[in-house]
């Protein structure tokens, strides 16, 4: 009874897998960056918010602030409820 040896599987990843992993890592990590303090104001601009229509989002926020009628709802100072901020 002779035992047949099975070939050991290669522990090396395929070149295609290495290339694909490197490409995906480069694309994903390319978006990670440190933003200087003087540029952060542009990222916090309400027009940069994720929404369907920035103008509609602004109108809804204006309505919310008007109905709130006092500071405290969203932390920002608002008018007296008349909508004349």
C-alpha atoms as a PDB file:
ATOM      1  CA  UNK A   1       0.000   0.000   0.000  1.00  0.00           C
ATOM      2  CA  UNK A   2       1.714   3.030  -1.201  1.00  0.00           C
ATOM      3  CA  UNK A   3       0.414   6.333  -0.030  1.00  0.00           C
ATOM      4  CA  UNK A   4       0.034   8.916  -2.753  1.00  0.00           C
ATOM      5  CA  UNK A   5       1.116  12.375  -1.821  1.00  0.00           C
ATOM      6  CA  UNK A   6      -1.217  15.185  -2.548  1.00  0.00           C
ATOM      7  CA  UNK A   7       0.300  18.412  -3.732  1.00  0.00           C
ATOM      8  CA  UNK A   8       0.242  21.075  -1.078  1.00  0.00           C
ATOM      9  CA  UNK A   9      -1.873  24.074  -1.981  1.00  0.00           C
ATOM     10  CA  UNK A  10       0.006  27.243  -2.767  1.00  0.00           C
ATOM     11  CA  UNK A  11      -0.219  29.867  -0.050  1.00  0.00           C
ATOM     12  CA  UNK A  12       0.641  32.602  -2.500  1.00  0.00           C
ATOM     13  CA  UNK A  13      -2.216  34.894  -3.556  1.00  0.00           C
ATOM     14  CA  UNK A  14      -2.797  35.216  -7.250  1.00  0.00           C
ATOM     15  CA  UNK A  15      -1.341  38.270  -9.005  1.00  0.00           C
ATOM     16  CA  UNK A  16      -4.832  39.298 -10.090  1.00  0.00           C
ATOM     17  CA  UNK A  17      -6.038  39.306  -6.484  1.00  0.00           C
ATOM     18  CA  UNK A  18      -3.041  41.358  -5.358  1.00  0.00           C
ATOM     19  CA  UNK A  19      -3.540  43.877  -8.168  1.00  0.00           C
ATOM     20  CA  UNK A  20      -7.260  44.164  -7.508  1.00  0.00           C
ATOM     21  CA  UNK A  21      -6.741  44.619  -3.763  1.00  0.00           C
ATOM     22  CA  UNK A  22      -4.119  47.286  -4.365  1.00  0.00           C
ATOM     23  CA  UNK A  23      -6.332  49.156  -6.825  1.00  0.00           C
ATOM     24  CA  UNK A  24      -9.366  49.141  -4.521  1.00  0.00           C
ATOM     25  CA  UNK A  25      -7.245  50.217  -1.542  1.00  0.00           C
ATOM     26  CA  UNK A  26      -5.779  53.100  -3.524  1.00  0.00           C
ATOM     27  CA  UNK A  27      -9.210  54.315  -4.605  1.00  0.00           C
ATOM     28  CA  UNK A  28     -10.771  54.028  -1.144  1.00  0.00           C
ATOM     29  CA  UNK A  29      -7.872  55.532   0.771  1.00  0.00           C
ATOM     30  CA  UNK A  30      -7.459  58.330  -1.766  1.00  0.00           C
ATOM     31  CA  UNK A  31     -10.484  60.074  -0.250  1.00  0.00           C
ATOM     32  CA  UNK A  32      -8.952  60.193   3.228  1.00  0.00           C
ATOM     33  CA  UNK A  33      -7.225  63.488   3.779  1.00  0.00           C
ATOM     34  CA  UNK A  34      -6.650  66.035   6.499  1.00  0.00           C
ATOM     35  CA  UNK A  35      -8.600  69.230   5.851  1.00  0.00           C
ATOM     36  CA  UNK A  36      -6.885  72.442   6.965  1.00  0.00           C
ATOM     37  CA  UNK A  37      -8.777  74.566   9.485  1.00  0.00           C
ATOM     38  CA  UNK A  38      -9.269  77.444   7.048  1.00  0.00           C
ATOM     39  CA  UNK A  39     -10.951  75.141   4.483  1.00  0.00           C
ATOM     40  CA  UNK A  40     -13.432  73.498   6.842  1.00  0.00           C
ATOM     41  CA  UNK A  41     -15.872  76.376   6.515  1.00  0.00           C
ATOM     42  CA  UNK A  42     -16.460  75.352   2.889  1.00  0.00           C
ATOM     43  CA  UNK A  43     -17.301  71.794   3.939  1.00  0.00           C
ATOM     44  CA  UNK A  44     -19.775  73.075   6.520  1.00  0.00           C
ATOM     45  CA  UNK A  45     -21.609  75.203   3.950  1.00  0.00           C
ATOM     46  CA  UNK A  46     -25.340  74.348   3.946  1.00  0.00           C
ATOM     47  CA  UNK A  47     -25.217  74.031   0.168  1.00  0.00           C
ATOM     48  CA  UNK A  48     -22.805  71.084   0.617  1.00  0.00           C
ATOM     49  CA  UNK A  49     -25.337  69.096   2.648  1.00  0.00           C
ATOM     50  CA  UNK A  50     -26.673  65.839   1.308  1.00  0.00           C
ATOM     51  CA  UNK A  51     -30.173  66.503   0.120  1.00  0.00           C
ATOM     52  CA  UNK A  52     -32.278  66.543  -2.974  1.00  0.00           C
ATOM     53  CA  UNK A  53     -32.683  70.287  -3.244  1.00  0.00           C
ATOM     54  CA  UNK A  54     -30.515  72.656  -1.189  1.00  0.00           C
ATOM     55  CA  UNK A  55     -33.027  75.500  -1.558  1.00  0.00           C
ATOM     56  CA  UNK A  56     -35.873  73.300  -0.314  1.00  0.00           C
ATOM     57  CA  UNK A  57     -33.748  72.196   2.636  1.00  0.00           C
ATOM     58  CA  UNK A  58     -33.046  75.847   3.448  1.00  0.00           C
ATOM     59  CA  UNK A  59     -36.764  76.683   3.283  1.00  0.00           C
ATOM     60  CA  UNK A  60     -37.659  73.812   5.585  1.00  0.00           C
ATOM     61  CA  UNK A  61     -34.990  74.887   8.076  1.00  0.00           C
ATOM     62  CA  UNK A  62     -36.259  78.479   7.908  1.00  0.00           C
ATOM     63  CA  UNK A  63     -39.803  77.271   8.585  1.00  0.00           C
ATOM     64  CA  UNK A  64     -38.598  75.126  11.472  1.00  0.00           C
ATOM     65  CA  UNK A  65     -36.701  78.053  13.010  1.00  0.00           C
ATOM     66  CA  UNK A  66     -39.716  80.331  12.577  1.00  0.00           C
ATOM     67  CA  UNK A  67     -42.072  77.858  14.216  1.00  0.00           C
ATOM     68  CA  UNK A  68     -39.609  77.265  17.037  1.00  0.00           C
ATOM     69  CA  UNK A  69     -39.657  80.982  17.802  1.00  0.00           C
ATOM     70  CA  UNK A  70     -36.785  80.807  20.272  1.00  0.00           C
ATOM     71  CA  UNK A  71     -33.243  79.571  20.583  1.00  0.00           C
ATOM     72  CA  UNK A  72     -32.855  75.994  21.637  1.00  0.00           C
ATOM     73  CA  UNK A  73     -34.487  73.932  18.909  1.00  0.00           C
ATOM     74  CA  UNK A  74     -31.349  73.533  16.868  1.00  0.00           C
ATOM     75  CA  UNK A  75     -28.984  75.658  18.982  1.00  0.00           C
ATOM     76  CA  UNK A  76     -29.052  78.690  16.698  1.00  0.00           C
ATOM     77  CA  UNK A  77     -30.547  82.009  17.663  1.00  0.00           C
ATOM     78  CA  UNK A  78     -33.757  82.725  15.824  1.00  0.00           C
ATOM     79  CA  UNK A  79     -36.226  85.578  15.613  1.00  0.00           C
ATOM     80  CA  UNK A  80     -39.392  86.127  17.542  1.00  0.00           C
ATOM     81  CA  UNK A  81     -41.531  83.778  15.486  1.00  0.00           C
ATOM     82  CA  UNK A  82     -42.320  86.215  12.684  1.00  0.00           C
ATOM     83  CA  UNK A  83     -39.767  84.766  10.274  1.00  0.00           C
ATOM     84  CA  UNK A  84     -37.712  87.945   9.977  1.00  0.00           C
ATOM     85  CA  UNK A  85     -34.398  86.562  11.107  1.00  0.00           C
END
